[in-house]
Amino acid sequence: LARSDTAYLVAELDGLVAGFLSLEFRVRLNRSAPEAWIPDLIVTASARGHGCGKALLQAAFTLARERECRRVTLESGYSRTIAHHLYTSAGMQNEGYFFGRVLE
């Protein structure tokens, strides 16, 4: 929690934690400005559809602007179509593929 290159956001609904977003600020070799990356965005099932996810994203965008980031990115599985609607409603675009490999 003490890392200077991260931020953690919590959404509350009716006095209960309803969502969480972690945000990392990173420098890329081929970019002059830092980028923000969202490794985790979680909204409880009972809070979905109440604006918590969108509010967390908007807060992340604000923090990224304050840190003079060029962009905000996240990865999402192909089957998460409801989450994809949230991302696009917040102004994000699907810009490519994500590749990974589990190391054994």
PDB file of N, CA and C in Angstrom:
ATOM      1  N   LEU A   1       0.800  -1.207   0.000  1.00  0.00           N
ATOM      2  CA  LEU A   1       0.000   0.000   0.000  1.00  0.00           C
ATOM      3  C   LEU A   1       0.840   1.268   0.000  1.00  0.00           C
ATOM      4  N   ALA A   2       2.085   1.159   0.394  1.00  0.00           N
ATOM      5  CA  ALA A   2       2.926   2.342   0.516  1.00  0.00           C
ATOM      6  C   ALA A   2       3.661   2.690  -0.782  1.00  0.00           C
ATOM      7  N   ARG A   3       3.443   1.935  -1.846  1.00  0.00           N
ATOM      8  CA  ARG A   3       4.139   2.216  -3.097  1.00  0.00           C
ATOM      9  C   ARG A   3       3.684   3.555  -3.674  1.00  0.00           C
ATOM     10  N   SER A   4       4.626   4.354  -4.131  1.00  0.00           N
ATOM     11  CA  SER A   4       4.284   5.666  -4.695  1.00  0.00           C
ATOM     12  C   SER A   4       3.749   5.561  -6.121  1.00  0.00           C
ATOM     13  N   ASP A   5       3.881   4.401  -6.738  1.00  0.00           N
ATOM     14  CA  ASP A   5       3.412   4.235  -8.115  1.00  0.00           C
ATOM     15  C   ASP A   5       2.066   3.514  -8.195  1.00  0.00           C
ATOM     16  N   THR A   6       1.301   3.517  -7.099  1.00  0.00           N
ATOM     17  CA  THR A   6      -0.010   2.865  -7.082  1.00  0.00           C
ATOM     18  C   THR A   6      -1.043   3.733  -6.378  1.00  0.00           C
ATOM     19  N   ALA A   7      -2.299   3.416  -6.639  1.00  0.00           N
ATOM     20  CA  ALA A   7      -3.415   4.032  -5.922  1.00  0.00           C
ATOM     21  C   ALA A   7      -4.486   2.958  -5.773  1.00  0.00           C
ATOM     22  N   TYR A   8      -5.256   3.046  -4.711  1.00  0.00           N
ATOM     23  CA  TYR A   8      -6.312   2.079  -4.435  1.00  0.00           C
ATOM     24  C   TYR A   8      -7.588   2.845  -4.135  1.00  0.00           C
ATOM     25  N   LEU A   9      -8.659   2.490  -4.817  1.00  0.00           N
ATOM     26  CA  LEU A   9      -9.929   3.179  -4.683  1.00  0.00           C
ATOM     27  C   LEU A   9     -11.007   2.203  -4.212  1.00  0.00           C
ATOM     28  N   VAL A  10     -11.900   2.690  -3.384  1.00  0.00           N
ATOM     29  CA  VAL A  10     -13.002   1.882  -2.864  1.00  0.00           C
ATOM     30  C   VAL A  10     -14.306   2.617  -3.121  1.00  0.00           C
ATOM     31  N   ALA A  11     -15.315   1.880  -3.556  1.00  0.00           N
ATOM     32  CA  ALA A  11     -16.660   2.430  -3.718  1.00  0.00           C
ATOM     33  C   ALA A  11     -17.537   1.875  -2.607  1.00  0.00           C
ATOM     34  N   GLU A  12     -18.367   2.746  -2.048  1.00  0.00           N
ATOM     35  CA  GLU A  12     -19.312   2.330  -1.021  1.00  0.00           C
ATOM     36  C   GLU A  12     -20.735   2.509  -1.539  1.00  0.00           C
ATOM     37  N   LEU A  13     -21.611   1.611  -1.122  1.00  0.00           N
ATOM     38  CA  LEU A  13     -23.023   1.692  -1.451  1.00  0.00           C
ATOM     39  C   LEU A  13     -23.797   1.331  -0.194  1.00  0.00           C
ATOM     40  N   ASP A  14     -24.601   2.237   0.264  1.00  0.00           N
ATOM     41  CA  ASP A  14     -25.372   2.026   1.500  1.00  0.00           C
ATOM     42  C   ASP A  14     -24.467   1.696   2.688  1.00  0.00           C
ATOM     43  N   GLY A  15     -23.308   2.346   2.749  1.00  0.00           N
ATOM     44  CA  GLY A  15     -22.398   2.168   3.867  1.00  0.00           C
ATOM     45  C   GLY A  15     -21.551   0.914   3.823  1.00  0.00           C
ATOM     46  N   LEU A  16     -21.645   0.142   2.757  1.00  0.00           N
ATOM     47  CA  LEU A  16     -20.858  -1.085   2.617  1.00  0.00           C
ATOM     48  C   LEU A  16     -19.906  -0.963   1.439  1.00  0.00           C
ATOM     49  N   VAL A  17     -18.743  -1.615   1.540  1.00  0.00           N
ATOM     50  CA  VAL A  17     -17.810  -1.638   0.416  1.00  0.00           C
ATOM     51  C   VAL A  17     -18.464  -2.412  -0.718  1.00  0.00           C
ATOM     52  N   ALA A  18     -18.567  -1.762  -1.864  1.00  0.00           N
ATOM     53  CA  ALA A  18     -19.233  -2.359  -3.011  1.00  0.00           C
ATOM     54  C   ALA A  18     -18.287  -2.586  -4.183  1.00  0.00           C
ATOM     55  N   GLY A  19     -17.129  -1.938  -4.158  1.00  0.00           N
ATOM     56  CA  GLY A  19     -16.193  -2.079  -5.262  1.00  0.00           C
ATOM     57  C   GLY A  19     -14.790  -1.664  -4.880  1.00  0.00           C
ATOM     58  N   PHE A  20     -13.837  -2.131  -5.667  1.00  0.00           N
ATOM     59  CA  PHE A  20     -12.417  -1.862  -5.439  1.00  0.00           C
ATOM     60  C   PHE A  20     -11.729  -1.729  -6.783  1.00  0.00           C
ATOM     61  N   LEU A  21     -10.800  -0.787  -6.875  1.00  0.00           N
ATOM     62  CA  LEU A  21      -9.987  -0.609  -8.073  1.00  0.00           C
ATOM     63  C   LEU A  21      -8.557  -0.351  -7.650  1.00  0.00           C
ATOM     64  N   SER A  22      -7.621  -1.090  -8.239  1.00  0.00           N
ATOM     65  CA  SER A  22      -6.205  -0.799  -8.030  1.00  0.00           C
ATOM     66  C   SER A  22      -5.671  -0.182  -9.316  1.00  0.00           C
ATOM     67  N   LEU A  23      -4.776   0.763  -9.139  1.00  0.00           N
ATOM     68  CA  LEU A  23      -4.250   1.545 -10.251  1.00  0.00           C
ATOM     69  C   LEU A  23      -2.740   1.632 -10.103  1.00  0.00           C
ATOM     70  N   GLU A  24      -2.036   1.334 -11.179  1.00  0.00           N
ATOM     71  CA  GLU A  24      -0.573   1.433 -11.174  1.00  0.00           C
ATOM     72  C   GLU A  24      -0.143   2.439 -12.229  1.00  0.00           C
ATOM     73  N   PHE A  25       0.856   3.222 -11.887  1.00  0.00           N
ATOM     74  CA  PHE A  25       1.423   4.203 -12.811  1.00  0.00           C
ATOM     75  C   PHE A  25       2.774   3.663 -13.255  1.00  0.00           C
ATOM     76  N   ARG A  26       2.969   3.571 -14.559  1.00  0.00           N
ATOM     77  CA  ARG A  26       4.209   2.973 -15.058  1.00  0.00           C
ATOM     78  C   ARG A  26       4.782   3.778 -16.210  1.00  0.00           C
ATOM     79  N   VAL A  27       6.082   3.733 -16.321  1.00  0.00           N
ATOM     80  CA  VAL A  27       6.810   4.437 -17.373  1.00  0.00           C
ATOM     81  C   VAL A  27       7.192   3.414 -18.430  1.00  0.00           C
ATOM     82  N   ARG A  28       6.976   3.770 -19.682  1.00  0.00           N
ATOM     83  CA  ARG A  28       7.342   2.893 -20.789  1.00  0.00           C
ATOM     84  C   ARG A  28       8.529   3.503 -21.519  1.00  0.00           C
ATOM     85  N   LEU A  29       9.383   2.669 -22.045  1.00  0.00           N
ATOM     86  CA  LEU A  29      10.574   3.147 -22.754  1.00  0.00           C
ATOM     87  C   LEU A  29      10.224   3.931 -24.012  1.00  0.00           C
ATOM     88  N   ASN A  30       9.131   3.567 -24.676  1.00  0.00           N
ATOM     89  CA  ASN A  30       8.787   4.210 -25.945  1.00  0.00           C
ATOM     90  C   ASN A  30       7.757   5.324 -25.807  1.00  0.00           C
ATOM     91  N   ARG A  31       7.524   5.820 -24.595  1.00  0.00           N
ATOM     92  CA  ARG A  31       6.555   6.888 -24.363  1.00  0.00           C
ATOM     93  C   ARG A  31       7.195   7.992 -23.512  1.00  0.00           C
ATOM     94  N   SER A  32       6.821   9.220 -23.788  1.00  0.00           N
ATOM     95  CA  SER A  32       7.378  10.331 -23.016  1.00  0.00           C
ATOM     96  C   SER A  32       6.586  10.593 -21.735  1.00  0.00           C
ATOM     97  N   ALA A  33       5.339  10.133 -21.680  1.00  0.00           N
ATOM     98  CA  ALA A  33       4.500  10.336 -20.495  1.00  0.00           C
ATOM     99  C   ALA A  33       4.178   8.982 -19.867  1.00  0.00           C
ATOM    100  N   PRO A  34       3.960   8.956 -18.573  1.00  0.00           N
ATOM    101  CA  PRO A  34       3.614   7.682 -17.928  1.00  0.00           C
ATOM    102  C   PRO A  34       2.229   7.205 -18.365  1.00  0.00           C
ATOM    103  N   GLU A  35       1.961   5.929 -18.117  1.00  0.00           N
ATOM    104  CA  GLU A  35       0.659   5.348 -18.384  1.00  0.00           C
ATOM    105  C   GLU A  35       0.089   4.803 -17.083  1.00  0.00           C
ATOM    106  N   ALA A  36      -1.218   4.744 -17.004  1.00  0.00           N
ATOM    107  CA  ALA A  36      -1.890   4.155 -15.847  1.00  0.00           C
ATOM    108  C   ALA A  36      -2.475   2.815 -16.272  1.00  0.00           C
ATOM    109  N   TRP A  37      -2.391   1.831 -15.400  1.00  0.00           N
ATOM    110  CA  TRP A  37      -2.880   0.483 -15.681  1.00  0.00           C
ATOM    111  C   TRP A  37      -3.761   0.041 -14.526  1.00  0.00           C
ATOM    112  N   ILE A  38      -4.905  -0.511 -14.850  1.00  0.00           N
ATOM    113  CA  ILE A  38      -5.837  -1.021 -13.842  1.00  0.00           C
ATOM    114  C   ILE A  38      -5.719  -2.541 -13.814  1.00  0.00           C
ATOM    115  N   PRO A  39      -4.988  -3.091 -12.833  1.00  0.00           N
ATOM    116  CA  PRO A  39      -4.899  -4.548 -12.753  1.00  0.00           C
ATOM    117  C   PRO A  39      -6.133  -5.190 -12.126  1.00  0.00           C
ATOM    118  N   ASP A  40      -6.864  -4.440 -11.295  1.00  0.00           N
ATOM    119  CA  ASP A  40      -8.018  -5.007 -10.600  1.00  0.00           C
ATOM    120  C   ASP A  40      -9.166  -4.008 -10.557  1.00  0.00           C
ATOM    121  N   LEU A  41     -10.331  -4.445 -10.989  1.00  0.00           N
ATOM    122  CA  LEU A  41     -11.570  -3.693 -10.836  1.00  0.00           C
ATOM    123  C   LEU A  41     -12.630  -4.704 -10.455  1.00  0.00           C
ATOM    124  N   ILE A  42     -13.124  -4.591  -9.231  1.00  0.00           N
ATOM    125  CA  ILE A  42     -14.061  -5.572  -8.690  1.00  0.00           C
ATOM    126  C   ILE A  42     -15.273  -4.833  -8.147  1.00  0.00           C
ATOM    127  N   VAL A  43     -16.463  -5.269  -8.540  1.00  0.00           N
ATOM    128  CA  VAL A  43     -17.711  -4.751  -7.986  1.00  0.00           C
ATOM    129  C   VAL A  43     -18.519  -5.957  -7.509  1.00  0.00           C
ATOM    130  N   THR A  44     -19.032  -5.890  -6.291  1.00  0.00           N
ATOM    131  CA  THR A  44     -19.816  -7.001  -5.766  1.00  0.00           C
ATOM    132  C   THR A  44     -21.053  -7.221  -6.636  1.00  0.00           C
ATOM    133  N   ALA A  45     -21.505  -8.452  -6.695  1.00  0.00           N
ATOM    134  CA  ALA A  45     -22.650  -8.798  -7.534  1.00  0.00           C
ATOM    135  C   ALA A  45     -23.869  -7.951  -7.181  1.00  0.00           C
ATOM    136  N   SER A  46     -24.097  -7.725  -5.898  1.00  0.00           N
ATOM    137  CA  SER A  46     -25.283  -6.964  -5.491  1.00  0.00           C
ATOM    138  C   SER A  46     -25.183  -5.484  -5.835  1.00  0.00           C
ATOM    139  N   ALA A  47     -23.987  -4.977  -6.099  1.00  0.00           N
ATOM    140  CA  ALA A  47     -23.808  -3.555  -6.404  1.00  0.00           C
ATOM    141  C   ALA A  47     -23.733  -3.280  -7.901  1.00  0.00           C
ATOM    142  N   ARG A  48     -23.685  -4.322  -8.707  1.00  0.00           N
ATOM    143  CA  ARG A  48     -23.591  -4.110 -10.160  1.00  0.00           C
ATOM    144  C   ARG A  48     -24.848  -3.431 -10.677  1.00  0.00           C
ATOM    145  N   GLY A  49     -24.652  -2.494 -11.586  1.00  0.00           N
ATOM    146  CA  GLY A  49     -25.767  -1.754 -12.148  1.00  0.00           C
ATOM    147  C   GLY A  49     -26.142  -0.505 -11.364  1.00  0.00           C
ATOM    148  N   HIS A  50     -25.383  -0.210 -10.305  1.00  0.00           N
ATOM    149  CA  HIS A  50     -25.668   0.971  -9.476  1.00  0.00           C
ATOM    150  C   HIS A  50     -24.647   2.094  -9.680  1.00  0.00           C
ATOM    151  N   GLY A  51     -23.746   1.944 -10.651  1.00  0.00           N
ATOM    152  CA  GLY A  51     -22.799   3.008 -10.968  1.00  0.00           C
ATOM    153  C   GLY A  51     -21.476   2.947 -10.236  1.00  0.00           C
ATOM    154  N   CYS A  52     -21.268   1.925  -9.409  1.00  0.00           N
ATOM    155  CA  CYS A  52     -20.006   1.842  -8.650  1.00  0.00           C
ATOM    156  C   CYS A  52     -18.798   1.654  -9.559  1.00  0.00           C
ATOM    157  N   GLY A  53     -18.903   0.749 -10.526  1.00  0.00           N
ATOM    158  CA  GLY A  53     -17.790   0.503 -11.444  1.00  0.00           C
ATOM    159  C   GLY A  53     -17.441   1.737 -12.252  1.00  0.00           C
ATOM    160  N   LYS A  54     -18.458   2.418 -12.756  1.00  0.00           N
ATOM    161  CA  LYS A  54     -18.214   3.622 -13.554  1.00  0.00           C
ATOM    162  C   LYS A  54     -17.606   4.722 -12.692  1.00  0.00           C
ATOM    163  N   ALA A  55     -18.073   4.858 -11.459  1.00  0.00           N
ATOM    164  CA  ALA A  55     -17.506   5.869 -10.557  1.00  0.00           C
ATOM    165  C   ALA A  55     -16.041   5.558 -10.257  1.00  0.00           C
ATOM    166  N   LEU A  56     -15.714   4.285 -10.064  1.00  0.00           N
ATOM    167  CA  LEU A  56     -14.314   3.905  -9.822  1.00  0.00           C
ATOM    168  C   LEU A  56     -13.464   4.228 -11.040  1.00  0.00           C
ATOM    169  N   LEU A  57     -13.956   3.921 -12.231  1.00  0.00           N
ATOM    170  CA  LEU A  57     -13.204   4.238 -13.446  1.00  0.00           C
ATOM    171  C   LEU A  57     -12.998   5.743 -13.594  1.00  0.00           C
ATOM    172  N   GLN A  58     -14.040   6.528 -13.367  1.00  0.00           N
ATOM    173  CA  GLN A  58     -13.908   7.983 -13.488  1.00  0.00           C
ATOM    174  C   GLN A  58     -12.885   8.529 -12.494  1.00  0.00           C
ATOM    175  N   ALA A  59     -12.893   7.996 -11.273  1.00  0.00           N
ATOM    176  CA  ALA A  59     -11.908   8.421 -10.274  1.00  0.00           C
ATOM    177  C   ALA A  59     -10.501   8.038 -10.711  1.00  0.00           C
ATOM    178  N   ALA A  60     -10.354   6.860 -11.319  1.00  0.00           N
ATOM    179  CA  ALA A  60      -9.040   6.433 -11.824  1.00  0.00           C
ATOM    180  C   ALA A  60      -8.574   7.352 -12.941  1.00  0.00           C
ATOM    181  N   PHE A  61      -9.493   7.740 -13.834  1.00  0.00           N
ATOM    182  CA  PHE A  61      -9.132   8.660 -14.915  1.00  0.00           C
ATOM    183  C   PHE A  61      -8.667  10.001 -14.341  1.00  0.00           C
ATOM    184  N   THR A  62      -9.327  10.471 -13.314  1.00  0.00           N
ATOM    185  CA  THR A  62      -8.942  11.736 -12.679  1.00  0.00           C
ATOM    186  C   THR A  62      -7.539  11.633 -12.087  1.00  0.00           C
ATOM    187  N   LEU A  63      -7.274  10.557 -11.356  1.00  0.00           N
ATOM    188  CA  LEU A  63      -5.933  10.373 -10.779  1.00  0.00           C
ATOM    189  C   LEU A  63      -4.873  10.279 -11.871  1.00  0.00           C
ATOM    190  N   ALA A  64      -5.190   9.597 -12.951  1.00  0.00           N
ATOM    191  CA  ALA A  64      -4.231   9.464 -14.057  1.00  0.00           C
ATOM    192  C   ALA A  64      -3.932  10.833 -14.685  1.00  0.00           C
ATOM    193  N   ARG A  65      -4.970  11.644 -14.860  1.00  0.00           N
ATOM    194  CA  ARG A  65      -4.742  12.998 -15.393  1.00  0.00           C
ATOM    195  C   ARG A  65      -3.865  13.813 -14.450  1.00  0.00           C
ATOM    196  N   GLU A  66      -4.122  13.709 -13.144  1.00  0.00           N
ATOM    197  CA  GLU A  66      -3.317  14.444 -12.162  1.00  0.00           C
ATOM    198  C   GLU A  66      -1.858  14.022 -12.217  1.00  0.00           C
ATOM    199  N   ARG A  67      -1.590  12.757 -12.550  1.00  0.00           N
ATOM    200  CA  ARG A  67      -0.221  12.251 -12.670  1.00  0.00           C
ATOM    201  C   ARG A  67       0.343  12.455 -14.076  1.00  0.00           C
ATOM    202  N   GLU A  68      -0.419  13.164 -14.924  1.00  0.00           N
ATOM    203  CA  GLU A  68      -0.021  13.464 -16.304  1.00  0.00           C
ATOM    204  C   GLU A  68       0.214  12.211 -17.144  1.00  0.00           C
ATOM    205  N   CYS A  69      -0.610  11.208 -16.922  1.00  0.00           N
ATOM    206  CA  CYS A  69      -0.532   9.975 -17.700  1.00  0.00           C
ATOM    207  C   CYS A  69      -1.104  10.197 -19.091  1.00  0.00           C
ATOM    208  N   ARG A  70      -0.559   9.486 -20.027  1.00  0.00           N
ATOM    209  CA  ARG A  70      -0.982   9.574 -21.420  1.00  0.00           C
ATOM    210  C   ARG A  70      -2.254   8.787 -21.657  1.00  0.00           C
ATOM    211  N   ARG A  71      -2.428   7.664 -20.943  1.00  0.00           N
ATOM    212  CA  ARG A  71      -3.567   6.789 -21.165  1.00  0.00           C
ATOM    213  C   ARG A  71      -3.803   5.904 -19.953  1.00  0.00           C
ATOM    214  N   VAL A  72      -4.972   5.293 -19.919  1.00  0.00           N
ATOM    215  CA  VAL A  72      -5.326   4.309 -18.895  1.00  0.00           C
ATOM    216  C   VAL A  72      -5.706   3.025 -19.625  1.00  0.00           C
ATOM    217  N   THR A  73      -5.157   1.909 -19.185  1.00  0.00           N
ATOM    218  CA  THR A  73      -5.466   0.632 -19.821  1.00  0.00           C
ATOM    219  C   THR A  73      -5.870  -0.403 -18.768  1.00  0.00           C
ATOM    220  N   LEU A  74      -6.527  -1.443 -19.246  1.00  0.00           N
ATOM    221  CA  LEU A  74      -6.818  -2.618 -18.426  1.00  0.00           C
ATOM    222  C   LEU A  74      -6.969  -3.801 -19.364  1.00  0.00           C
ATOM    223  N   GLU A  75      -6.900  -4.992 -18.812  1.00  0.00           N
ATOM    224  CA  GLU A  75      -7.137  -6.199 -19.596  1.00  0.00           C
ATOM    225  C   GLU A  75      -8.428  -6.833 -19.122  1.00  0.00           C
ATOM    226  N   SER A  76      -9.129  -7.483 -20.050  1.00  0.00           N
ATOM    227  CA  SER A  76     -10.390  -8.126 -19.710  1.00  0.00           C
ATOM    228  C   SER A  76     -10.570  -9.353 -20.590  1.00  0.00           C
ATOM    229  N   GLY A  77     -11.072 -10.415 -20.017  1.00  0.00           N
ATOM    230  CA  GLY A  77     -11.303 -11.646 -20.769  1.00  0.00           C
ATOM    231  C   GLY A  77     -12.374 -11.477 -21.835  1.00  0.00           C
ATOM    232  N   TYR A  78     -12.268 -12.230 -22.902  1.00  0.00           N
ATOM    233  CA  TYR A  78     -13.203 -12.124 -24.020  1.00  0.00           C
ATOM    234  C   TYR A  78     -14.650 -12.350 -23.608  1.00  0.00           C
ATOM    235  N   SER A  79     -14.886 -13.205 -22.652  1.00  0.00           N
ATOM    236  CA  SER A  79     -16.258 -13.570 -22.286  1.00  0.00           C
ATOM    237  C   SER A  79     -16.931 -12.569 -21.358  1.00  0.00           C
ATOM    238  N   ARG A  80     -16.236 -11.551 -20.909  1.00  0.00           N
ATOM    239  CA  ARG A  80     -16.777 -10.609 -19.926  1.00  0.00           C
ATOM    240  C   ARG A  80     -17.515  -9.460 -20.617  1.00  0.00           C
ATOM    241  N   THR A  81     -18.528  -9.794 -21.389  1.00  0.00           N
ATOM    242  CA  THR A  81     -19.214  -8.803 -22.217  1.00  0.00           C
ATOM    243  C   THR A  81     -19.907  -7.720 -21.385  1.00  0.00           C
ATOM    244  N   ILE A  82     -20.450  -8.055 -20.234  1.00  0.00           N
ATOM    245  CA  ILE A  82     -21.094  -7.029 -19.401  1.00  0.00           C
ATOM    246  C   ILE A  82     -20.058  -6.017 -18.925  1.00  0.00           C
ATOM    247  N   ALA A  83     -18.891  -6.510 -18.510  1.00  0.00           N
ATOM    248  CA  ALA A  83     -17.810  -5.601 -18.098  1.00  0.00           C
ATOM    249  C   ALA A  83     -17.362  -4.740 -19.269  1.00  0.00           C
ATOM    250  N   HIS A  84     -17.333  -5.310 -20.460  1.00  0.00           N
ATOM    251  CA  HIS A  84     -16.921  -4.548 -21.642  1.00  0.00           C
ATOM    252  C   HIS A  84     -17.877  -3.386 -21.902  1.00  0.00           C
ATOM    253  N   HIS A  85     -19.160  -3.581 -21.647  1.00  0.00           N
ATOM    254  CA  HIS A  85     -20.124  -2.483 -21.788  1.00  0.00           C
ATOM    255  C   HIS A  85     -19.810  -1.364 -20.790  1.00  0.00           C
ATOM    256  N   LEU A  86     -19.424  -1.736 -19.577  1.00  0.00           N
ATOM    257  CA  LEU A  86     -19.029  -0.736 -18.580  1.00  0.00           C
ATOM    258  C   LEU A  86     -17.843   0.066 -19.099  1.00  0.00           C
ATOM    259  N   TYR A  87     -16.826  -0.611 -19.593  1.00  0.00           N
ATOM    260  CA  TYR A  87     -15.614   0.081 -20.048  1.00  0.00           C
ATOM    261  C   TYR A  87     -15.920   1.042 -21.196  1.00  0.00           C
ATOM    262  N   THR A  88     -16.712   0.582 -22.166  1.00  0.00           N
ATOM    263  CA  THR A  88     -17.017   1.466 -23.292  1.00  0.00           C
ATOM    264  C   THR A  88     -17.927   2.618 -22.864  1.00  0.00           C
ATOM    265  N   SER A  89     -18.824   2.374 -21.914  1.00  0.00           N
ATOM    266  CA  SER A  89     -19.687   3.468 -21.443  1.00  0.00           C
ATOM    267  C   SER A  89     -18.882   4.529 -20.694  1.00  0.00           C
ATOM    268  N   ALA A  90     -17.703   4.146 -20.200  1.00  0.00           N
ATOM    269  CA  ALA A  90     -16.818   5.088 -19.524  1.00  0.00           C
ATOM    270  C   ALA A  90     -15.838   5.746 -20.502  1.00  0.00           C
ATOM    271  N   GLY A  91     -15.991   5.458 -21.801  1.00  0.00           N
ATOM    272  CA  GLY A  91     -15.155   6.098 -22.811  1.00  0.00           C
ATOM    273  C   GLY A  91     -13.934   5.301 -23.242  1.00  0.00           C
ATOM    274  N   MET A  92     -13.803   4.077 -22.758  1.00  0.00           N
ATOM    275  CA  MET A  92     -12.655   3.247 -23.148  1.00  0.00           C
ATOM    276  C   MET A  92     -12.969   2.548 -24.474  1.00  0.00           C
ATOM    277  N   GLN A  93     -11.906   2.118 -25.163  1.00  0.00           N
ATOM    278  CA  GLN A  93     -12.048   1.415 -26.431  1.00  0.00           C
ATOM    279  C   GLN A  93     -11.295   0.105 -26.382  1.00  0.00           C
ATOM    280  N   ASN A  94     -11.800  -0.880 -27.090  1.00  0.00           N
ATOM    281  CA  ASN A  94     -11.088  -2.144 -27.250  1.00  0.00           C
ATOM    282  C   ASN A  94      -9.982  -1.906 -28.277  1.00  0.00           C
ATOM    283  N   GLU A  95      -8.730  -1.983 -27.829  1.00  0.00           N
ATOM    284  CA  GLU A  95      -7.613  -1.620 -28.701  1.00  0.00           C
ATOM    285  C   GLU A  95      -6.681  -2.770 -29.043  1.00  0.00           C
ATOM    286  N   GLY A  96      -7.044  -3.993 -28.716  1.00  0.00           N
ATOM    287  CA  GLY A  96      -6.137  -5.053 -29.114  1.00  0.00           C
ATOM    288  C   GLY A  96      -6.316  -6.336 -28.339  1.00  0.00           C
ATOM    289  N   TYR A  97      -5.329  -7.168 -28.469  1.00  0.00           N
ATOM    290  CA  TYR A  97      -5.311  -8.465 -27.834  1.00  0.00           C
ATOM    291  C   TYR A  97      -4.442  -8.458 -26.598  1.00  0.00           C
ATOM    292  N   PHE A  98      -4.711  -9.387 -25.715  1.00  0.00           N
ATOM    293  CA  PHE A  98      -3.889  -9.623 -24.537  1.00  0.00           C
ATOM    294  C   PHE A  98      -3.382 -11.052 -24.623  1.00  0.00           C
ATOM    295  N   PHE A  99      -2.089 -11.245 -24.537  1.00  0.00           N
ATOM    296  CA  PHE A  99      -1.514 -12.579 -24.612  1.00  0.00           C
ATOM    297  C   PHE A  99      -0.856 -12.912 -23.285  1.00  0.00           C
ATOM    298  N   GLY A 100      -0.969 -14.117 -22.871  1.00  0.00           N
ATOM    299  CA  GLY A 100      -0.346 -14.554 -21.622  1.00  0.00           C
ATOM    300  C   GLY A 100       0.042 -16.013 -21.710  1.00  0.00           C
ATOM    301  N   ARG A 101       0.847 -16.422 -20.777  1.00  0.00           N
ATOM    302  CA  ARG A 101       1.261 -17.817 -20.691  1.00  0.00           C
ATOM    303  C   ARG A 101       1.499 -18.150 -19.238  1.00  0.00           C
ATOM    304  N   VAL A 102       0.913 -19.220 -18.774  1.00  0.00           N
ATOM    305  CA  VAL A 102       1.162 -19.701 -17.433  1.00  0.00           C
ATOM    306  C   VAL A 102       2.503 -20.416 -17.446  1.00  0.00           C
ATOM    307  N   LEU A 103       3.372 -20.046 -16.537  1.00  0.00           N
ATOM    308  CA  LEU A 103       4.691 -20.674 -16.452  1.00  0.00           C
ATOM    309  C   LEU A 103       4.650 -21.801 -15.438  1.00  0.00           C
ATOM    310  N   GLU A 104       5.125 -22.950 -15.837  1.00  0.00           N
ATOM    311  CA  GLU A 104       5.105 -24.104 -14.934  1.00  0.00           C
ATOM    312  C   GLU A 104       6.470 -24.364 -14.365  1.00  0.00           C
TER     313      GLU A 104
END
